[in-house]
Amino acid sequence: MLVRQILEETVAFPTIVTDVTVQEAARTMREADVRAVPVVEGDKLVGIVTDWDIVDAFAQEGDALAERPVSAIMTSEPLFTIEASSTAAYATAKLQERQVHHLPVLDEGRYVGMICLGTEWSEEGMLTPPVRPTLTARRP
């Protein structure tokens, strides 16, 4: 199964823009029940903000962090991504190799969704945890 096929079967994943405040990003993540949110300009991925990015920045900056733009704390380089034409097995391997929980999905350079470690989806024939994680996906 290809990553693009997984994305076709999933609900939308929220995105934010660079000038959204950290507080707004955290609220978006809470409301959507996600642990990361892609930062986009149009259909171009420019970064990602994770729950860990927010916790780490809050530990350093405290309450002042809430009104700062997400561009101040987002990960922009290196951005680990995967192509929509990749297989689900390859996506799983990349998540493990990079030791990340989220991989933004690109199609010819355009952001089209997110592949995540999770328990809602498993490809027939894939091993289940703890040997190999399963995937969830969401599209924009």
N, C-alpha and C. Protein backbone atom coordinates (compact mmCIF):
# COMPACT_ATOMS: atom_id res chain seq x y z
N MET A 1 0.84 -1.18 0.00
CA MET A 1 0.00 0.00 0.00
C MET A 1 0.89 1.25 0.00
N LEU A 2 0.46 2.25 -0.76
CA LEU A 2 1.22 3.50 -0.85
C LEU A 2 0.72 4.51 0.18
N VAL A 3 1.60 5.41 0.57
CA VAL A 3 1.25 6.45 1.53
C VAL A 3 0.07 7.26 1.01
N ARG A 4 0.03 7.59 -0.28
CA ARG A 4 -1.09 8.39 -0.82
C ARG A 4 -2.42 7.66 -0.64
N GLN A 5 -2.42 6.33 -0.70
CA GLN A 5 -3.65 5.57 -0.49
C GLN A 5 -4.11 5.66 0.96
N ILE A 6 -3.16 5.65 1.88
CA ILE A 6 -3.50 5.79 3.30
C ILE A 6 -4.12 7.16 3.54
N LEU A 7 -3.53 8.20 2.95
CA LEU A 7 -4.03 9.56 3.15
C LEU A 7 -5.45 9.72 2.62
N GLU A 8 -5.79 9.02 1.55
CA GLU A 8 -7.13 9.11 0.97
C GLU A 8 -8.20 8.58 1.92
N GLU A 9 -7.81 7.71 2.84
CA GLU A 9 -8.75 7.07 3.74
C GLU A 9 -8.81 7.73 5.11
N THR A 10 -8.20 8.89 5.28
CA THR A 10 -8.07 9.48 6.61
C THR A 10 -8.75 10.84 6.71
N VAL A 11 -8.90 11.27 7.95
CA VAL A 11 -9.47 12.60 8.21
C VAL A 11 -8.38 13.66 8.07
N ALA A 12 -8.80 14.88 7.95
CA ALA A 12 -7.86 15.99 7.74
C ALA A 12 -6.97 16.22 8.96
N PHE A 13 -5.73 16.63 8.70
CA PHE A 13 -4.75 16.96 9.73
C PHE A 13 -4.61 18.47 9.72
N PRO A 14 -4.66 19.13 10.90
CA PRO A 14 -4.59 20.59 10.91
C PRO A 14 -3.21 21.10 10.48
N THR A 15 -3.19 22.29 9.93
CA THR A 15 -1.93 22.97 9.62
C THR A 15 -2.02 24.38 10.20
N ILE A 16 -0.86 25.00 10.38
CA ILE A 16 -0.80 26.38 10.85
C ILE A 16 0.20 27.13 9.98
N VAL A 17 0.22 28.45 10.14
CA VAL A 17 1.17 29.29 9.41
C VAL A 17 2.19 29.86 10.41
N THR A 18 3.27 30.43 9.90
CA THR A 18 4.40 30.83 10.74
C THR A 18 4.08 31.91 11.76
N ASP A 19 3.10 32.76 11.50
CA ASP A 19 2.84 33.84 12.45
C ASP A 19 1.78 33.51 13.50
N VAL A 20 1.29 32.28 13.51
CA VAL A 20 0.39 31.82 14.57
C VAL A 20 1.18 31.81 15.88
N THR A 21 0.54 32.19 16.99
CA THR A 21 1.26 32.18 18.26
C THR A 21 1.41 30.75 18.77
N VAL A 22 2.36 30.57 19.66
CA VAL A 22 2.58 29.25 20.26
C VAL A 22 1.32 28.80 20.99
N GLN A 23 0.66 29.72 21.66
CA GLN A 23 -0.57 29.37 22.36
C GLN A 23 -1.64 28.88 21.39
N GLU A 24 -1.79 29.56 20.26
CA GLU A 24 -2.76 29.13 19.24
C GLU A 24 -2.39 27.76 18.68
N ALA A 25 -1.10 27.52 18.48
CA ALA A 25 -0.65 26.22 17.98
C ALA A 25 -0.99 25.13 18.98
N ALA A 26 -0.74 25.39 20.26
CA ALA A 26 -1.04 24.41 21.30
C ALA A 26 -2.55 24.13 21.35
N ARG A 27 -3.34 25.17 21.21
CA ARG A 27 -4.80 25.01 21.21
C ARG A 27 -5.25 24.16 20.01
N THR A 28 -4.68 24.43 18.85
CA THR A 28 -4.99 23.66 17.64
C THR A 28 -4.66 22.19 17.85
N MET A 29 -3.50 21.93 18.43
CA MET A 29 -3.08 20.55 18.68
C MET A 29 -4.03 19.86 19.66
N ARG A 30 -4.40 20.56 20.72
CA ARG A 30 -5.31 19.98 21.71
C ARG A 30 -6.67 19.68 21.09
N GLU A 31 -7.22 20.65 20.36
CA GLU A 31 -8.55 20.47 19.77
C GLU A 31 -8.59 19.36 18.74
N ALA A 32 -7.49 19.18 18.01
CA ALA A 32 -7.43 18.13 16.98
C ALA A 32 -6.91 16.81 17.53
N ASP A 33 -6.49 16.82 18.80
CA ASP A 33 -5.93 15.63 19.45
C ASP A 33 -4.74 15.08 18.68
N VAL A 34 -3.79 15.98 18.37
CA VAL A 34 -2.56 15.60 17.68
C VAL A 34 -1.36 16.08 18.49
N ARG A 35 -0.21 15.47 18.27
CA ARG A 35 0.99 15.81 19.02
C ARG A 35 1.96 16.66 18.21
N ALA A 36 1.60 16.96 16.98
CA ALA A 36 2.43 17.81 16.13
C ALA A 36 1.54 18.47 15.10
N VAL A 37 2.00 19.60 14.59
CA VAL A 37 1.24 20.29 13.56
C VAL A 37 2.23 20.87 12.54
N PRO A 38 1.98 20.60 11.26
CA PRO A 38 2.85 21.14 10.21
C PRO A 38 2.64 22.65 10.07
N VAL A 39 3.73 23.33 9.76
CA VAL A 39 3.68 24.78 9.51
C VAL A 39 3.86 24.95 8.01
N VAL A 40 2.90 25.62 7.38
CA VAL A 40 2.91 25.73 5.92
C VAL A 40 2.80 27.19 5.48
N GLU A 41 3.29 27.42 4.28
CA GLU A 41 3.05 28.67 3.56
C GLU A 41 2.45 28.25 2.23
N GLY A 42 1.14 28.46 2.07
CA GLY A 42 0.44 27.92 0.91
C GLY A 42 0.45 26.41 1.00
N ASP A 43 0.97 25.74 -0.03
CA ASP A 43 1.07 24.28 0.02
C ASP A 43 2.51 23.82 0.27
N LYS A 44 3.37 24.75 0.69
CA LYS A 44 4.77 24.43 0.96
C LYS A 44 4.99 24.24 2.46
N LEU A 45 5.58 23.12 2.82
CA LEU A 45 5.93 22.83 4.21
C LEU A 45 7.16 23.64 4.59
N VAL A 46 7.06 24.43 5.67
CA VAL A 46 8.21 25.22 6.11
C VAL A 46 8.71 24.80 7.49
N GLY A 47 7.93 23.97 8.20
CA GLY A 47 8.36 23.53 9.52
C GLY A 47 7.34 22.60 10.14
N ILE A 48 7.65 22.20 11.37
CA ILE A 48 6.74 21.38 12.15
C ILE A 48 6.91 21.78 13.62
N VAL A 49 5.81 21.83 14.35
CA VAL A 49 5.84 22.10 15.78
C VAL A 49 5.28 20.88 16.48
N THR A 50 6.02 20.36 17.44
CA THR A 50 5.58 19.20 18.20
C THR A 50 5.27 19.60 19.64
N ASP A 51 4.59 18.72 20.34
CA ASP A 51 4.33 18.97 21.75
C ASP A 51 5.64 19.14 22.51
N TRP A 52 6.66 18.39 22.12
CA TRP A 52 7.96 18.51 22.78
C TRP A 52 8.59 19.88 22.52
N ASP A 53 8.46 20.41 21.31
CA ASP A 53 8.97 21.76 21.03
C ASP A 53 8.36 22.78 21.99
N ILE A 54 7.07 22.66 22.22
CA ILE A 54 6.37 23.60 23.10
C ILE A 54 6.81 23.42 24.54
N VAL A 55 6.90 22.19 25.01
CA VAL A 55 7.34 21.93 26.39
C VAL A 55 8.76 22.44 26.60
N ASP A 56 9.64 22.14 25.68
CA ASP A 56 11.04 22.56 25.79
C ASP A 56 11.15 24.09 25.82
N ALA A 57 10.45 24.76 24.92
CA ALA A 57 10.50 26.22 24.88
C ALA A 57 9.86 26.83 26.13
N PHE A 58 8.77 26.24 26.62
CA PHE A 58 8.12 26.75 27.82
C PHE A 58 9.05 26.64 29.03
N ALA A 59 9.79 25.55 29.12
CA ALA A 59 10.73 25.37 30.23
C ALA A 59 11.80 26.47 30.24
N GLN A 60 12.14 26.97 29.07
CA GLN A 60 13.15 28.01 28.96
C GLN A 60 12.57 29.42 29.09
N GLU A 61 11.36 29.64 28.56
CA GLU A 61 10.83 31.00 28.46
C GLU A 61 9.63 31.29 29.34
N GLY A 62 8.98 30.27 29.86
CA GLY A 62 7.82 30.49 30.71
C GLY A 62 6.64 31.10 29.96
N ASP A 63 5.86 31.89 30.69
CA ASP A 63 4.62 32.45 30.14
C ASP A 63 4.83 33.35 28.93
N ALA A 64 6.01 33.94 28.79
CA ALA A 64 6.28 34.82 27.64
C ALA A 64 6.17 34.07 26.32
N LEU A 65 6.31 32.76 26.37
CA LEU A 65 6.27 31.95 25.16
C LEU A 65 4.92 32.01 24.46
N ALA A 66 3.85 32.13 25.20
CA ALA A 66 2.49 32.02 24.65
C ALA A 66 2.25 32.93 23.45
N GLU A 67 2.77 34.14 23.48
CA GLU A 67 2.49 35.11 22.41
C GLU A 67 3.56 35.15 21.33
N ARG A 68 4.59 34.35 21.45
CA ARG A 68 5.62 34.31 20.41
C ARG A 68 5.09 33.54 19.20
N PRO A 69 5.57 33.86 18.00
CA PRO A 69 5.14 33.11 16.81
C PRO A 69 5.76 31.71 16.80
N VAL A 70 5.05 30.76 16.22
CA VAL A 70 5.58 29.40 16.16
C VAL A 70 6.88 29.33 15.37
N SER A 71 7.10 30.28 14.50
CA SER A 71 8.35 30.29 13.74
C SER A 71 9.57 30.35 14.66
N ALA A 72 9.38 30.85 15.89
CA ALA A 72 10.49 30.94 16.85
C ALA A 72 10.86 29.59 17.45
N ILE A 73 9.94 28.64 17.42
CA ILE A 73 10.23 27.35 18.06
C ILE A 73 10.10 26.15 17.13
N MET A 74 9.58 26.35 15.93
CA MET A 74 9.35 25.21 15.03
C MET A 74 10.67 24.60 14.57
N THR A 75 10.61 23.34 14.22
CA THR A 75 11.74 22.68 13.58
C THR A 75 11.61 22.95 12.09
N SER A 76 12.65 23.54 11.52
CA SER A 76 12.60 23.81 10.08
C SER A 76 13.72 23.10 9.34
N GLU A 77 14.78 22.79 10.02
CA GLU A 77 15.87 22.02 9.41
C GLU A 77 16.54 21.19 10.48
N PRO A 78 16.79 19.96 10.26
CA PRO A 78 16.34 19.22 9.09
C PRO A 78 14.87 18.83 9.24
N LEU A 79 14.14 18.88 8.15
CA LEU A 79 12.76 18.41 8.11
C LEU A 79 12.76 17.04 7.46
N PHE A 80 12.36 16.04 8.21
CA PHE A 80 12.27 14.70 7.66
C PHE A 80 10.88 14.54 7.06
N THR A 81 10.84 14.22 5.77
CA THR A 81 9.57 14.08 5.06
C THR A 81 9.58 12.76 4.29
N ILE A 82 8.44 12.44 3.72
CA ILE A 82 8.32 11.25 2.90
C ILE A 82 7.44 11.60 1.70
N GLU A 83 7.69 10.95 0.59
CA GLU A 83 6.89 11.19 -0.63
C GLU A 83 5.60 10.37 -0.59
N ALA A 84 4.55 10.93 -1.14
CA ALA A 84 3.26 10.25 -1.20
C ALA A 84 3.33 8.94 -1.97
N SER A 85 4.30 8.83 -2.87
CA SER A 85 4.45 7.61 -3.68
C SER A 85 5.20 6.51 -2.94
N SER A 86 5.67 6.76 -1.72
CA SER A 86 6.39 5.76 -0.93
C SER A 86 5.42 4.69 -0.42
N THR A 87 5.97 3.53 -0.10
CA THR A 87 5.14 2.48 0.47
C THR A 87 4.96 2.70 1.97
N ALA A 88 3.90 2.11 2.51
CA ALA A 88 3.65 2.20 3.95
C ALA A 88 4.79 1.55 4.73
N ALA A 89 5.32 0.46 4.21
CA ALA A 89 6.44 -0.21 4.88
C ALA A 89 7.66 0.71 4.94
N TYR A 90 7.92 1.44 3.86
CA TYR A 90 9.04 2.38 3.83
C TYR A 90 8.79 3.52 4.83
N ALA A 91 7.56 4.01 4.90
CA ALA A 91 7.22 5.07 5.86
C ALA A 91 7.47 4.60 7.29
N THR A 92 7.06 3.38 7.59
CA THR A 92 7.28 2.83 8.93
C THR A 92 8.77 2.74 9.23
N ALA A 93 9.54 2.27 8.26
CA ALA A 93 10.99 2.16 8.45
C ALA A 93 11.62 3.54 8.68
N LYS A 94 11.16 4.55 7.94
CA LYS A 94 11.70 5.91 8.10
C LYS A 94 11.37 6.48 9.48
N LEU A 95 10.15 6.26 9.95
CA LEU A 95 9.78 6.72 11.29
C LEU A 95 10.70 6.10 12.34
N GLN A 96 10.96 4.81 12.20
CA GLN A 96 11.85 4.13 13.15
C GLN A 96 13.28 4.62 13.02
N GLU A 97 13.75 4.71 11.80
CA GLU A 97 15.13 5.13 11.54
C GLU A 97 15.41 6.53 12.08
N ARG A 98 14.49 7.45 11.85
CA ARG A 98 14.66 8.84 12.28
C ARG A 98 14.26 9.05 13.73
N GLN A 99 13.65 8.04 14.33
CA GLN A 99 13.16 8.10 15.70
C GLN A 99 12.23 9.30 15.91
N VAL A 100 11.27 9.41 15.00
CA VAL A 100 10.26 10.46 15.07
C VAL A 100 8.88 9.82 15.08
N HIS A 101 7.90 10.58 15.50
CA HIS A 101 6.52 10.08 15.54
C HIS A 101 5.67 10.59 14.39
N HIS A 102 6.18 11.59 13.67
CA HIS A 102 5.42 12.21 12.58
C HIS A 102 6.31 12.43 11.38
N LEU A 103 5.79 12.13 10.20
CA LEU A 103 6.49 12.43 8.95
C LEU A 103 5.53 13.17 8.02
N PRO A 104 5.82 14.42 7.73
CA PRO A 104 5.02 15.13 6.74
C PRO A 104 5.16 14.45 5.38
N VAL A 105 4.06 14.42 4.64
CA VAL A 105 4.03 13.78 3.33
C VAL A 105 4.00 14.86 2.25
N LEU A 106 4.90 14.71 1.27
CA LEU A 106 4.98 15.65 0.15
C LEU A 106 4.63 14.94 -1.14
N ASP A 107 4.04 15.67 -2.06
CA ASP A 107 3.77 15.17 -3.40
C ASP A 107 4.28 16.23 -4.37
N GLU A 108 5.40 15.93 -5.00
CA GLU A 108 6.07 16.87 -5.90
C GLU A 108 6.33 18.20 -5.20
N GLY A 109 6.80 18.12 -3.95
CA GLY A 109 7.16 19.30 -3.19
C GLY A 109 6.03 19.97 -2.44
N ARG A 110 4.79 19.55 -2.68
CA ARG A 110 3.62 20.13 -2.00
C ARG A 110 3.28 19.31 -0.77
N TYR A 111 2.95 19.97 0.34
CA TYR A 111 2.51 19.27 1.54
C TYR A 111 1.11 18.70 1.30
N VAL A 112 0.95 17.38 1.56
CA VAL A 112 -0.35 16.75 1.32
C VAL A 112 -0.90 15.99 2.53
N GLY A 113 -0.12 15.85 3.61
CA GLY A 113 -0.63 15.14 4.77
C GLY A 113 0.47 14.74 5.72
N MET A 114 0.08 13.92 6.70
CA MET A 114 1.02 13.51 7.74
C MET A 114 0.85 12.02 8.03
N ILE A 115 1.98 11.32 8.12
CA ILE A 115 2.00 9.93 8.54
C ILE A 115 2.51 9.91 9.98
N CYS A 116 1.83 9.17 10.85
CA CYS A 116 2.18 9.16 12.27
C CYS A 116 2.28 7.73 12.79
N LEU A 117 3.13 7.55 13.79
CA LEU A 117 3.08 6.29 14.53
C LEU A 117 1.75 6.26 15.25
N GLY A 118 1.11 5.12 15.29
CA GLY A 118 -0.18 5.05 15.96
C GLY A 118 -0.72 3.64 15.95
N THR A 119 -1.98 3.52 16.26
CA THR A 119 -2.59 2.20 16.35
C THR A 119 -3.86 2.06 15.53
N GLU A 120 -4.24 3.10 14.78
CA GLU A 120 -5.51 3.07 14.06
C GLU A 120 -5.44 2.37 12.71
N TRP A 121 -4.26 2.16 12.18
CA TRP A 121 -4.15 1.59 10.84
C TRP A 121 -3.00 0.61 10.82
N SER A 122 -3.18 -0.50 10.18
CA SER A 122 -2.05 -1.41 9.96
C SER A 122 -2.22 -2.04 8.59
N GLU A 123 -1.13 -2.13 7.89
CA GLU A 123 -1.14 -2.71 6.55
C GLU A 123 -1.13 -4.23 6.68
N GLU A 124 -1.93 -4.89 5.89
CA GLU A 124 -1.96 -6.35 5.92
C GLU A 124 -0.55 -6.88 5.71
N GLY A 125 -0.16 -7.77 6.58
CA GLY A 125 1.17 -8.35 6.47
C GLY A 125 2.23 -7.66 7.30
N MET A 126 1.93 -6.45 7.80
CA MET A 126 2.90 -5.77 8.66
C MET A 126 2.84 -6.39 10.04
N LEU A 127 3.98 -6.45 10.70
CA LEU A 127 4.00 -6.91 12.07
C LEU A 127 3.42 -5.83 12.96
N THR A 128 2.83 -6.23 14.07
CA THR A 128 2.25 -5.25 14.98
C THR A 128 3.22 -4.97 16.13
N PRO A 129 3.02 -3.90 16.90
CA PRO A 129 3.92 -3.57 18.00
C PRO A 129 4.04 -4.73 18.97
N PRO A 130 5.16 -4.87 19.67
CA PRO A 130 6.28 -3.95 19.70
C PRO A 130 7.32 -4.20 18.62
N VAL A 131 7.14 -5.21 17.78
CA VAL A 131 8.14 -5.51 16.75
C VAL A 131 8.19 -4.40 15.72
N ARG A 132 7.04 -3.95 15.25
CA ARG A 132 6.99 -2.88 14.26
C ARG A 132 5.77 -2.02 14.53
N PRO A 133 5.94 -0.70 14.58
CA PRO A 133 4.79 0.16 14.85
C PRO A 133 3.81 0.18 13.69
N THR A 134 2.57 0.49 13.99
CA THR A 134 1.58 0.68 12.93
C THR A 134 1.52 2.16 12.59
N LEU A 135 0.78 2.50 11.57
CA LEU A 135 0.72 3.88 11.10
C LEU A 135 -0.67 4.44 11.21
N THR A 136 -0.74 5.73 11.43
CA THR A 136 -1.96 6.48 11.20
C THR A 136 -1.59 7.59 10.24
N ALA A 137 -2.56 8.15 9.61
CA ALA A 137 -2.27 9.23 8.66
C ALA A 137 -3.41 10.23 8.68
N ARG A 138 -3.06 11.45 8.35
CA ARG A 138 -4.07 12.49 8.17
C ARG A 138 -3.62 13.38 7.04
N ARG A 139 -4.58 13.91 6.34
CA ARG A 139 -4.28 14.81 5.23
C ARG A 139 -4.75 16.21 5.60
N PRO A 140 -4.27 17.25 4.86
CA PRO A 140 -4.68 18.62 5.20
C PRO A 140 -6.13 18.87 4.88
